[in-house]
Amino acid sequence: AADALAYYRQLGRSARWTREWIVPSAWTAADLVERYAIDPARVTVIPLGVTMGIDDQPALPRSSRGDYVLAVGTVEPRKRYDLLLDALHLVDPTIRLVVAGHPGWRSDDTQTRLQAATASGRVEWLVGPSDADVWRLYREAIAVVLPSRVEGFGLAALEGMAVGTPVISSGGGALPEVTG
């Protein structure tokens, strides 16, 4: 909490001298305007896009997909990977969870849980997979999951949709804007 507070304080100081803001979503723009009383005319939304790794192949049928749901992104509290680990026992025991992402700030507890869960065979944590491996994971996953508390955009959702993989997401931040 102290790290987040320091981050938002610094952002508030930056808000006073920044002339123009470029953000990836309308949600992020609205949050910035509301939180720091920034003139909306100083904020431009330029959404992120996906081109790299898309090979124009049709989406894989369910029968050709792997046996896992995929979570992509830095392991940090707002991503709520703990929630995925807690929920894993609620789904079909043949379904695995694959997490592709580097350790992030304040993630020691989640890292410990992920490492322990790999022993069960139902969880795989890939730190630093190649771009080609990530795109393969997206294409072959049953679904991409984003249980995030908040996302300024949610690129993993867009990447999953780009290859035709179903996306299951929370309503945190810009995710409804990205996923439609």
N, C-alpha and C. Protein backbone atom coordinates (compact mmCIF):
# COMPACT_ATOMS: atom_id res chain seq x y z
N ALA A 1 0.82 -1.19 0.00
CA ALA A 1 0.00 0.00 0.00
C ALA A 1 0.87 1.26 0.00
N ALA A 2 1.99 1.21 0.70
CA ALA A 2 2.87 2.38 0.75
C ALA A 2 3.47 2.67 -0.63
N ASP A 3 3.83 1.61 -1.36
CA ASP A 3 4.37 1.80 -2.71
C ASP A 3 3.33 2.43 -3.63
N ALA A 4 2.10 1.94 -3.55
CA ALA A 4 1.03 2.48 -4.39
C ALA A 4 0.76 3.93 -4.04
N LEU A 5 0.74 4.25 -2.76
CA LEU A 5 0.51 5.62 -2.32
C LEU A 5 1.60 6.54 -2.86
N ALA A 6 2.84 6.11 -2.78
CA ALA A 6 3.95 6.92 -3.29
C ALA A 6 3.82 7.11 -4.80
N TYR A 7 3.41 6.06 -5.49
CA TYR A 7 3.23 6.15 -6.95
C TYR A 7 2.16 7.19 -7.29
N TYR A 8 1.01 7.13 -6.62
CA TYR A 8 -0.07 8.07 -6.93
C TYR A 8 0.28 9.50 -6.52
N ARG A 9 1.04 9.67 -5.46
CA ARG A 9 1.50 11.01 -5.09
C ARG A 9 2.39 11.59 -6.19
N GLN A 10 3.33 10.76 -6.67
CA GLN A 10 4.23 11.22 -7.73
C GLN A 10 3.44 11.54 -9.00
N LEU A 11 2.47 10.71 -9.32
CA LEU A 11 1.64 10.96 -10.50
C LEU A 11 0.88 12.28 -10.34
N GLY A 12 0.40 12.55 -9.12
CA GLY A 12 -0.29 13.81 -8.85
C GLY A 12 0.63 15.01 -9.06
N ARG A 13 1.88 14.89 -8.61
CA ARG A 13 2.85 15.98 -8.83
C ARG A 13 3.11 16.16 -10.33
N SER A 14 3.22 15.04 -11.03
CA SER A 14 3.45 15.10 -12.48
C SER A 14 2.28 15.74 -13.21
N ALA A 15 1.08 15.52 -12.69
CA ALA A 15 -0.13 16.05 -13.34
C ALA A 15 -0.09 17.57 -13.44
N ARG A 16 0.57 18.23 -12.49
CA ARG A 16 0.61 19.68 -12.49
C ARG A 16 1.46 20.24 -13.63
N TRP A 17 2.52 19.55 -14.02
CA TRP A 17 3.41 20.11 -15.05
C TRP A 17 3.33 19.41 -16.40
N THR A 18 2.55 18.34 -16.51
CA THR A 18 2.42 17.64 -17.79
C THR A 18 1.41 18.37 -18.67
N ARG A 19 1.82 18.71 -19.88
CA ARG A 19 0.93 19.46 -20.78
C ARG A 19 -0.06 18.56 -21.50
N GLU A 20 0.36 17.38 -21.87
CA GLU A 20 -0.49 16.48 -22.66
C GLU A 20 -0.31 15.05 -22.16
N TRP A 21 -1.41 14.35 -22.02
CA TRP A 21 -1.39 12.96 -21.59
C TRP A 21 -1.86 12.08 -22.73
N ILE A 22 -1.18 10.98 -22.96
CA ILE A 22 -1.63 9.96 -23.92
C ILE A 22 -1.86 8.70 -23.11
N VAL A 23 -3.08 8.18 -23.19
CA VAL A 23 -3.46 7.00 -22.41
C VAL A 23 -4.09 5.96 -23.33
N PRO A 24 -4.12 4.67 -22.91
CA PRO A 24 -4.59 3.62 -23.81
C PRO A 24 -6.09 3.36 -23.81
N SER A 25 -6.84 4.00 -22.91
CA SER A 25 -8.28 3.70 -22.85
C SER A 25 -9.07 4.89 -22.32
N ALA A 26 -10.35 4.90 -22.66
CA ALA A 26 -11.24 5.94 -22.14
C ALA A 26 -11.36 5.84 -20.63
N TRP A 27 -11.33 4.60 -20.11
CA TRP A 27 -11.40 4.42 -18.66
C TRP A 27 -10.20 5.09 -17.99
N THR A 28 -9.00 4.87 -18.53
CA THR A 28 -7.79 5.47 -17.96
C THR A 28 -7.88 6.99 -18.04
N ALA A 29 -8.38 7.51 -19.15
CA ALA A 29 -8.54 8.96 -19.30
C ALA A 29 -9.49 9.51 -18.23
N ALA A 30 -10.63 8.86 -18.06
CA ALA A 30 -11.61 9.32 -17.07
C ALA A 30 -11.05 9.24 -15.66
N ASP A 31 -10.32 8.18 -15.36
CA ASP A 31 -9.71 8.03 -14.04
C ASP A 31 -8.69 9.13 -13.77
N LEU A 32 -7.88 9.44 -14.76
CA LEU A 32 -6.87 10.49 -14.65
C LEU A 32 -7.53 11.85 -14.43
N VAL A 33 -8.55 12.15 -15.21
CA VAL A 33 -9.26 13.43 -15.10
C VAL A 33 -9.91 13.56 -13.73
N GLU A 34 -10.57 12.49 -13.27
CA GLU A 34 -11.26 12.54 -11.98
C GLU A 34 -10.28 12.59 -10.81
N ARG A 35 -9.28 11.76 -10.84
CA ARG A 35 -8.36 11.63 -9.71
C ARG A 35 -7.49 12.88 -9.53
N TYR A 36 -7.10 13.53 -10.64
CA TYR A 36 -6.15 14.63 -10.55
C TYR A 36 -6.69 15.95 -11.08
N ALA A 37 -7.98 16.01 -11.35
CA ALA A 37 -8.62 17.24 -11.84
C ALA A 37 -7.89 17.81 -13.06
N ILE A 38 -7.56 16.93 -13.98
CA ILE A 38 -6.89 17.34 -15.21
C ILE A 38 -7.94 17.75 -16.23
N ASP A 39 -7.65 18.78 -16.98
CA ASP A 39 -8.54 19.21 -18.06
C ASP A 39 -8.64 18.08 -19.08
N PRO A 40 -9.85 17.60 -19.37
CA PRO A 40 -10.00 16.49 -20.34
C PRO A 40 -9.41 16.81 -21.71
N ALA A 41 -9.31 18.08 -22.06
CA ALA A 41 -8.75 18.45 -23.36
C ALA A 41 -7.25 18.13 -23.44
N ARG A 42 -6.62 17.91 -22.28
CA ARG A 42 -5.19 17.58 -22.25
C ARG A 42 -4.93 16.07 -22.33
N VAL A 43 -6.00 15.28 -22.45
CA VAL A 43 -5.87 13.82 -22.44
C VAL A 43 -6.31 13.25 -23.78
N THR A 44 -5.44 12.49 -24.41
CA THR A 44 -5.73 11.85 -25.70
C THR A 44 -5.71 10.34 -25.50
N VAL A 45 -6.74 9.67 -26.01
CA VAL A 45 -6.80 8.21 -25.93
C VAL A 45 -6.29 7.61 -27.24
N ILE A 46 -5.28 6.78 -27.14
CA ILE A 46 -4.77 6.02 -28.28
C ILE A 46 -4.73 4.56 -27.84
N PRO A 47 -5.74 3.77 -28.22
CA PRO A 47 -5.79 2.37 -27.78
C PRO A 47 -4.61 1.56 -28.31
N LEU A 48 -4.26 0.54 -27.56
CA LEU A 48 -3.21 -0.37 -27.99
C LEU A 48 -3.75 -1.27 -29.09
N GLY A 49 -2.87 -1.89 -29.82
CA GLY A 49 -3.28 -2.80 -30.89
C GLY A 49 -2.41 -4.04 -30.90
N VAL A 50 -2.78 -4.98 -31.74
CA VAL A 50 -2.06 -6.24 -31.83
C VAL A 50 -1.82 -6.55 -33.30
N THR A 51 -0.59 -6.79 -33.67
CA THR A 51 -0.29 -7.29 -35.01
C THR A 51 0.74 -8.41 -34.96
N MET A 52 1.75 -8.25 -34.12
CA MET A 52 2.82 -9.24 -34.06
C MET A 52 2.30 -10.59 -33.60
N GLY A 53 2.63 -11.63 -34.32
CA GLY A 53 2.25 -12.97 -33.90
C GLY A 53 0.96 -13.47 -34.50
N ILE A 54 0.18 -12.59 -35.09
CA ILE A 54 -1.07 -13.03 -35.70
C ILE A 54 -0.73 -13.60 -37.07
N ASP A 55 -1.18 -14.80 -37.32
CA ASP A 55 -0.79 -15.46 -38.56
C ASP A 55 -1.98 -15.72 -39.49
N ASP A 56 -3.08 -15.06 -39.27
CA ASP A 56 -4.26 -15.17 -40.13
C ASP A 56 -4.81 -16.59 -40.22
N GLN A 57 -4.47 -17.43 -39.29
CA GLN A 57 -5.05 -18.76 -39.26
C GLN A 57 -6.38 -18.69 -38.53
N PRO A 58 -7.33 -19.54 -38.91
CA PRO A 58 -8.60 -19.53 -38.19
C PRO A 58 -8.39 -19.99 -36.74
N ALA A 59 -9.30 -19.59 -35.88
CA ALA A 59 -9.23 -20.01 -34.49
C ALA A 59 -9.28 -21.54 -34.42
N LEU A 60 -8.56 -22.09 -33.46
CA LEU A 60 -8.56 -23.54 -33.30
C LEU A 60 -9.89 -24.01 -32.72
N PRO A 61 -10.41 -25.13 -33.21
CA PRO A 61 -11.62 -25.68 -32.59
C PRO A 61 -11.28 -26.19 -31.19
N ARG A 62 -12.27 -26.28 -30.34
CA ARG A 62 -12.06 -26.71 -28.95
C ARG A 62 -11.31 -28.04 -28.89
N SER A 63 -11.63 -28.94 -29.79
CA SER A 63 -11.00 -30.27 -29.77
C SER A 63 -9.50 -30.21 -30.06
N SER A 64 -9.03 -29.13 -30.64
CA SER A 64 -7.61 -28.99 -30.96
C SER A 64 -6.85 -28.16 -29.94
N ARG A 65 -7.56 -27.63 -28.97
CA ARG A 65 -6.91 -26.76 -27.97
C ARG A 65 -6.28 -27.60 -26.87
N GLY A 66 -5.46 -26.94 -26.07
CA GLY A 66 -4.80 -27.61 -24.95
C GLY A 66 -5.77 -27.85 -23.80
N ASP A 67 -5.22 -28.21 -22.66
CA ASP A 67 -6.02 -28.52 -21.48
C ASP A 67 -5.87 -27.45 -20.40
N TYR A 68 -5.66 -26.19 -20.83
CA TYR A 68 -5.35 -25.16 -19.84
C TYR A 68 -6.06 -23.84 -20.15
N VAL A 69 -6.23 -23.06 -19.06
CA VAL A 69 -6.60 -21.66 -19.19
C VAL A 69 -5.31 -20.87 -18.97
N LEU A 70 -5.23 -19.72 -19.60
CA LEU A 70 -3.98 -18.95 -19.64
C LEU A 70 -4.16 -17.58 -19.01
N ALA A 71 -3.21 -17.22 -18.15
CA ALA A 71 -3.14 -15.87 -17.59
C ALA A 71 -1.78 -15.30 -17.99
N VAL A 72 -1.78 -14.13 -18.63
CA VAL A 72 -0.54 -13.52 -19.11
C VAL A 72 -0.38 -12.15 -18.45
N GLY A 73 0.77 -11.92 -17.85
CA GLY A 73 1.04 -10.61 -17.27
C GLY A 73 1.92 -10.72 -16.05
N THR A 74 2.47 -9.60 -15.65
CA THR A 74 3.33 -9.54 -14.48
C THR A 74 2.60 -10.07 -13.26
N VAL A 75 3.29 -10.84 -12.45
CA VAL A 75 2.70 -11.36 -11.21
C VAL A 75 2.78 -10.25 -10.16
N GLU A 76 1.63 -9.65 -9.87
CA GLU A 76 1.55 -8.57 -8.88
C GLU A 76 0.13 -8.58 -8.30
N PRO A 77 -0.07 -7.94 -7.15
CA PRO A 77 -1.35 -8.05 -6.45
C PRO A 77 -2.59 -7.70 -7.28
N ARG A 78 -2.54 -6.64 -8.08
CA ARG A 78 -3.75 -6.22 -8.80
C ARG A 78 -4.19 -7.22 -9.86
N LYS A 79 -3.30 -8.12 -10.27
CA LYS A 79 -3.65 -9.14 -11.27
C LYS A 79 -4.50 -10.26 -10.66
N ARG A 80 -4.46 -10.39 -9.36
CA ARG A 80 -5.26 -11.37 -8.59
C ARG A 80 -5.05 -12.82 -9.04
N TYR A 81 -3.81 -13.20 -9.25
CA TYR A 81 -3.53 -14.60 -9.55
C TYR A 81 -3.88 -15.50 -8.37
N ASP A 82 -3.85 -14.94 -7.15
CA ASP A 82 -4.29 -15.71 -5.98
C ASP A 82 -5.73 -16.19 -6.16
N LEU A 83 -6.57 -15.34 -6.73
CA LEU A 83 -7.96 -15.71 -6.98
C LEU A 83 -8.03 -16.92 -7.92
N LEU A 84 -7.21 -16.93 -8.95
CA LEU A 84 -7.18 -18.08 -9.86
C LEU A 84 -6.75 -19.35 -9.13
N LEU A 85 -5.73 -19.23 -8.29
CA LEU A 85 -5.27 -20.40 -7.54
C LEU A 85 -6.35 -20.89 -6.58
N ASP A 86 -7.06 -19.96 -5.95
CA ASP A 86 -8.16 -20.34 -5.04
C ASP A 86 -9.29 -21.03 -5.78
N ALA A 87 -9.55 -20.61 -7.02
CA ALA A 87 -10.69 -21.13 -7.78
C ALA A 87 -10.38 -22.41 -8.55
N LEU A 88 -9.13 -22.77 -8.63
CA LEU A 88 -8.74 -23.91 -9.46
C LEU A 88 -9.47 -25.20 -9.06
N HIS A 89 -9.72 -25.37 -7.77
CA HIS A 89 -10.38 -26.61 -7.33
C HIS A 89 -11.87 -26.65 -7.72
N LEU A 90 -12.41 -25.53 -8.19
CA LEU A 90 -13.82 -25.47 -8.58
C LEU A 90 -14.08 -25.93 -10.01
N VAL A 91 -13.03 -26.06 -10.80
CA VAL A 91 -13.20 -26.44 -12.20
C VAL A 91 -12.79 -27.89 -12.41
N ASP A 92 -13.13 -28.40 -13.56
CA ASP A 92 -12.79 -29.76 -13.95
C ASP A 92 -11.32 -30.05 -13.61
N PRO A 93 -11.05 -31.14 -12.91
CA PRO A 93 -9.67 -31.41 -12.48
C PRO A 93 -8.69 -31.69 -13.63
N THR A 94 -9.20 -31.85 -14.84
CA THR A 94 -8.29 -32.05 -15.97
C THR A 94 -7.82 -30.73 -16.57
N ILE A 95 -8.40 -29.62 -16.12
CA ILE A 95 -8.02 -28.30 -16.64
C ILE A 95 -6.89 -27.73 -15.79
N ARG A 96 -5.86 -27.26 -16.47
CA ARG A 96 -4.70 -26.68 -15.80
C ARG A 96 -4.72 -25.15 -15.94
N LEU A 97 -3.91 -24.51 -15.12
CA LEU A 97 -3.70 -23.07 -15.19
C LEU A 97 -2.25 -22.83 -15.62
N VAL A 98 -2.07 -22.06 -16.68
CA VAL A 98 -0.73 -21.66 -17.10
C VAL A 98 -0.62 -20.15 -16.91
N VAL A 99 0.37 -19.73 -16.16
CA VAL A 99 0.65 -18.31 -15.92
C VAL A 99 1.94 -17.98 -16.65
N ALA A 100 1.89 -16.98 -17.52
CA ALA A 100 3.08 -16.53 -18.25
C ALA A 100 3.36 -15.09 -17.84
N GLY A 101 4.38 -14.90 -17.02
CA GLY A 101 4.69 -13.55 -16.58
C GLY A 101 5.83 -13.50 -15.59
N HIS A 102 6.51 -12.38 -15.60
CA HIS A 102 7.62 -12.15 -14.68
C HIS A 102 7.10 -11.79 -13.29
N PRO A 103 7.87 -12.06 -12.24
CA PRO A 103 7.51 -11.59 -10.91
C PRO A 103 7.50 -10.06 -10.89
N GLY A 104 6.54 -9.50 -10.20
CA GLY A 104 6.44 -8.05 -10.09
C GLY A 104 6.58 -7.61 -8.64
N TRP A 105 6.22 -6.38 -8.41
CA TRP A 105 6.34 -5.80 -7.07
C TRP A 105 5.32 -6.43 -6.12
N ARG A 106 5.72 -6.56 -4.87
CA ARG A 106 4.87 -7.06 -3.79
C ARG A 106 4.20 -8.39 -4.15
N SER A 107 4.95 -9.28 -4.78
CA SER A 107 4.35 -10.54 -5.21
C SER A 107 4.95 -11.77 -4.54
N ASP A 108 5.69 -11.58 -3.46
CA ASP A 108 6.36 -12.72 -2.82
C ASP A 108 5.38 -13.82 -2.44
N ASP A 109 4.25 -13.46 -1.82
CA ASP A 109 3.27 -14.47 -1.40
C ASP A 109 2.69 -15.20 -2.60
N THR A 110 2.35 -14.47 -3.64
CA THR A 110 1.79 -15.09 -4.85
C THR A 110 2.83 -15.97 -5.52
N GLN A 111 4.06 -15.52 -5.58
CA GLN A 111 5.13 -16.34 -6.16
C GLN A 111 5.27 -17.65 -5.40
N THR A 112 5.24 -17.58 -4.08
CA THR A 112 5.35 -18.78 -3.26
C THR A 112 4.21 -19.74 -3.55
N ARG A 113 3.00 -19.18 -3.66
CA ARG A 113 1.83 -20.03 -3.95
C ARG A 113 1.92 -20.64 -5.35
N LEU A 114 2.34 -19.85 -6.33
CA LEU A 114 2.48 -20.38 -7.69
C LEU A 114 3.51 -21.50 -7.73
N GLN A 115 4.65 -21.28 -7.10
CA GLN A 115 5.70 -22.30 -7.10
C GLN A 115 5.22 -23.57 -6.40
N ALA A 116 4.50 -23.43 -5.29
CA ALA A 116 3.98 -24.60 -4.58
C ALA A 116 2.93 -25.32 -5.42
N ALA A 117 2.10 -24.56 -6.12
CA ALA A 117 1.02 -25.16 -6.91
C ALA A 117 1.54 -25.93 -8.11
N THR A 118 2.74 -25.59 -8.58
CA THR A 118 3.28 -26.32 -9.73
C THR A 118 3.51 -27.80 -9.39
N ALA A 119 3.71 -28.10 -8.13
CA ALA A 119 3.93 -29.50 -7.72
C ALA A 119 2.71 -30.37 -7.99
N SER A 120 1.53 -29.76 -8.02
CA SER A 120 0.30 -30.52 -8.25
C SER A 120 0.16 -30.96 -9.70
N GLY A 121 0.91 -30.32 -10.59
CA GLY A 121 0.77 -30.62 -12.01
C GLY A 121 -0.35 -29.86 -12.68
N ARG A 122 -1.15 -29.14 -11.90
CA ARG A 122 -2.27 -28.38 -12.47
C ARG A 122 -1.89 -26.94 -12.76
N VAL A 123 -0.73 -26.51 -12.31
CA VAL A 123 -0.29 -25.13 -12.52
C VAL A 123 1.10 -25.14 -13.13
N GLU A 124 1.27 -24.30 -14.13
CA GLU A 124 2.58 -24.12 -14.74
C GLU A 124 2.86 -22.62 -14.77
N TRP A 125 4.02 -22.21 -14.26
CA TRP A 125 4.39 -20.80 -14.25
C TRP A 125 5.60 -20.64 -15.17
N LEU A 126 5.40 -19.90 -16.25
CA LEU A 126 6.45 -19.66 -17.23
C LEU A 126 6.95 -18.23 -17.06
N VAL A 127 8.18 -18.09 -16.64
CA VAL A 127 8.79 -16.77 -16.46
C VAL A 127 9.62 -16.47 -17.71
N GLY A 128 9.24 -15.43 -18.43
CA GLY A 128 10.01 -15.01 -19.59
C GLY A 128 9.90 -15.89 -20.82
N PRO A 129 8.70 -16.37 -21.16
CA PRO A 129 8.59 -17.14 -22.41
C PRO A 129 8.83 -16.23 -23.61
N SER A 130 9.25 -16.81 -24.72
CA SER A 130 9.47 -16.04 -25.94
C SER A 130 8.13 -15.55 -26.49
N ASP A 131 8.17 -14.54 -27.35
CA ASP A 131 6.94 -14.06 -27.99
C ASP A 131 6.25 -15.19 -28.75
N ALA A 132 7.03 -16.00 -29.46
CA ALA A 132 6.44 -17.11 -30.22
C ALA A 132 5.74 -18.09 -29.29
N ASP A 133 6.34 -18.36 -28.13
CA ASP A 133 5.70 -19.26 -27.17
C ASP A 133 4.42 -18.67 -26.61
N VAL A 134 4.43 -17.37 -26.34
CA VAL A 134 3.22 -16.72 -25.81
C VAL A 134 2.09 -16.80 -26.83
N TRP A 135 2.39 -16.52 -28.10
CA TRP A 135 1.35 -16.60 -29.12
C TRP A 135 0.82 -18.03 -29.27
N ARG A 136 1.71 -19.02 -29.17
CA ARG A 136 1.26 -20.42 -29.21
C ARG A 136 0.36 -20.71 -28.02
N LEU A 137 0.75 -20.24 -26.84
CA LEU A 137 -0.07 -20.44 -25.65
C LEU A 137 -1.45 -19.83 -25.83
N TYR A 138 -1.51 -18.60 -26.35
CA TYR A 138 -2.80 -17.96 -26.61
C TYR A 138 -3.66 -18.81 -27.54
N ARG A 139 -3.08 -19.27 -28.64
CA ARG A 139 -3.85 -20.02 -29.65
C ARG A 139 -4.38 -21.35 -29.11
N GLU A 140 -3.60 -21.99 -28.25
CA GLU A 140 -3.95 -23.33 -27.81
C GLU A 140 -4.72 -23.38 -26.50
N ALA A 141 -4.88 -22.24 -25.84
CA ALA A 141 -5.58 -22.21 -24.55
C ALA A 141 -7.08 -22.43 -24.73
N ILE A 142 -7.69 -23.00 -23.72
CA ILE A 142 -9.15 -23.11 -23.68
C ILE A 142 -9.74 -21.71 -23.57
N ALA A 143 -9.10 -20.89 -22.73
CA ALA A 143 -9.54 -19.50 -22.53
C ALA A 143 -8.38 -18.70 -21.94
N VAL A 144 -8.45 -17.40 -22.12
CA VAL A 144 -7.54 -16.46 -21.47
C VAL A 144 -8.31 -15.86 -20.31
N VAL A 145 -7.69 -15.82 -19.13
CA VAL A 145 -8.37 -15.31 -17.94
C VAL A 145 -7.65 -14.07 -17.41
N LEU A 146 -8.44 -13.05 -17.08
CA LEU A 146 -7.92 -11.82 -16.50
C LEU A 146 -8.80 -11.45 -15.30
N PRO A 147 -8.45 -11.92 -14.11
CA PRO A 147 -9.26 -11.59 -12.93
C PRO A 147 -8.84 -10.27 -12.27
N SER A 148 -8.15 -9.43 -13.00
CA SER A 148 -7.52 -8.22 -12.44
C SER A 148 -8.49 -7.33 -11.70
N ARG A 149 -7.98 -6.74 -10.63
CA ARG A 149 -8.73 -5.74 -9.88
C ARG A 149 -8.94 -4.51 -10.77
N VAL A 150 -7.88 -4.12 -11.49
CA VAL A 150 -7.96 -2.97 -12.39
C VAL A 150 -6.92 -3.15 -13.49
N GLU A 151 -7.29 -2.74 -14.69
CA GLU A 151 -6.38 -2.72 -15.84
C GLU A 151 -6.57 -1.39 -16.55
N GLY A 152 -5.48 -0.74 -16.89
CA GLY A 152 -5.56 0.49 -17.67
C GLY A 152 -5.92 0.22 -19.12
N PHE A 153 -5.69 -1.01 -19.56
CA PHE A 153 -6.10 -1.44 -20.90
C PHE A 153 -6.48 -2.91 -20.89
N GLY A 154 -5.56 -3.80 -20.65
CA GLY A 154 -5.84 -5.23 -20.68
C GLY A 154 -5.40 -5.86 -21.99
N LEU A 155 -4.13 -5.68 -22.32
CA LEU A 155 -3.60 -6.17 -23.59
C LEU A 155 -3.75 -7.68 -23.75
N ALA A 156 -3.64 -8.43 -22.66
CA ALA A 156 -3.79 -9.89 -22.76
C ALA A 156 -5.17 -10.27 -23.29
N ALA A 157 -6.20 -9.51 -22.93
CA ALA A 157 -7.54 -9.78 -23.46
C ALA A 157 -7.57 -9.57 -24.96
N LEU A 158 -7.01 -8.47 -25.41
CA LEU A 158 -6.99 -8.17 -26.84
C LEU A 158 -6.19 -9.21 -27.61
N GLU A 159 -5.06 -9.63 -27.05
CA GLU A 159 -4.24 -10.64 -27.72
C GLU A 159 -4.97 -11.97 -27.81
N GLY A 160 -5.65 -12.36 -26.74
CA GLY A 160 -6.42 -13.60 -26.79
C GLY A 160 -7.52 -13.54 -27.84
N MET A 161 -8.25 -12.44 -27.86
CA MET A 161 -9.33 -12.29 -28.85
C MET A 161 -8.77 -12.26 -30.26
N ALA A 162 -7.57 -11.70 -30.44
CA ALA A 162 -6.98 -11.60 -31.78
C ALA A 162 -6.73 -12.96 -32.42
N VAL A 163 -6.52 -13.98 -31.60
CA VAL A 163 -6.29 -15.32 -32.14
C VAL A 163 -7.51 -16.22 -31.98
N GLY A 164 -8.63 -15.63 -31.56
CA GLY A 164 -9.88 -16.38 -31.48
C GLY A 164 -10.07 -17.20 -30.23
N THR A 165 -9.29 -16.93 -29.20
CA THR A 165 -9.44 -17.66 -27.94
C THR A 165 -10.42 -16.91 -27.04
N PRO A 166 -11.38 -17.63 -26.45
CA PRO A 166 -12.32 -16.96 -25.55
C PRO A 166 -11.60 -16.27 -24.39
N VAL A 167 -12.15 -15.15 -23.95
CA VAL A 167 -11.56 -14.38 -22.86
C VAL A 167 -12.57 -14.29 -21.72
N ILE A 168 -12.10 -14.58 -20.52
CA ILE A 168 -12.91 -14.45 -19.30
C ILE A 168 -12.22 -13.38 -18.47
N SER A 169 -12.93 -12.28 -18.19
CA SER A 169 -12.27 -11.20 -17.46
C SER A 169 -13.19 -10.64 -16.38
N SER A 170 -12.54 -9.98 -15.43
CA SER A 170 -13.28 -9.21 -14.44
C SER A 170 -13.79 -7.94 -15.13
N GLY A 171 -14.47 -7.12 -14.38
CA GLY A 171 -14.91 -5.83 -14.90
C GLY A 171 -14.01 -4.72 -14.44
N GLY A 172 -12.75 -5.06 -14.11
CA GLY A 172 -11.83 -4.09 -13.53
C GLY A 172 -11.23 -3.11 -14.52
N GLY A 173 -11.45 -1.82 -14.27
CA GLY A 173 -10.84 -0.78 -15.08
C GLY A 173 -11.34 -0.78 -16.51
N ALA A 174 -10.42 -0.85 -17.46
CA ALA A 174 -10.75 -0.75 -18.89
C ALA A 174 -11.15 -2.09 -19.51
N LEU A 175 -11.17 -3.17 -18.75
CA LEU A 175 -11.46 -4.48 -19.35
C LEU A 175 -12.80 -4.53 -20.07
N PRO A 176 -13.90 -3.98 -19.53
CA PRO A 176 -15.15 -4.00 -20.30
C PRO A 176 -15.04 -3.22 -21.61
N GLU A 177 -14.27 -2.16 -21.61
CA GLU A 177 -14.06 -1.36 -22.82
C GLU A 177 -13.31 -2.16 -23.88
N VAL A 178 -12.33 -2.93 -23.47
CA VAL A 178 -11.51 -3.71 -24.40
C VAL A 178 -12.24 -4.95 -24.89
N THR A 179 -12.93 -5.63 -23.98
CA THR A 179 -13.56 -6.90 -24.35
C THR A 179 -14.95 -6.74 -24.93
N GLY A 180 -15.52 -5.54 -24.80
CA GLY A 180 -16.84 -5.28 -25.37
C GLY A 180 -17.92 -5.81 -24.50
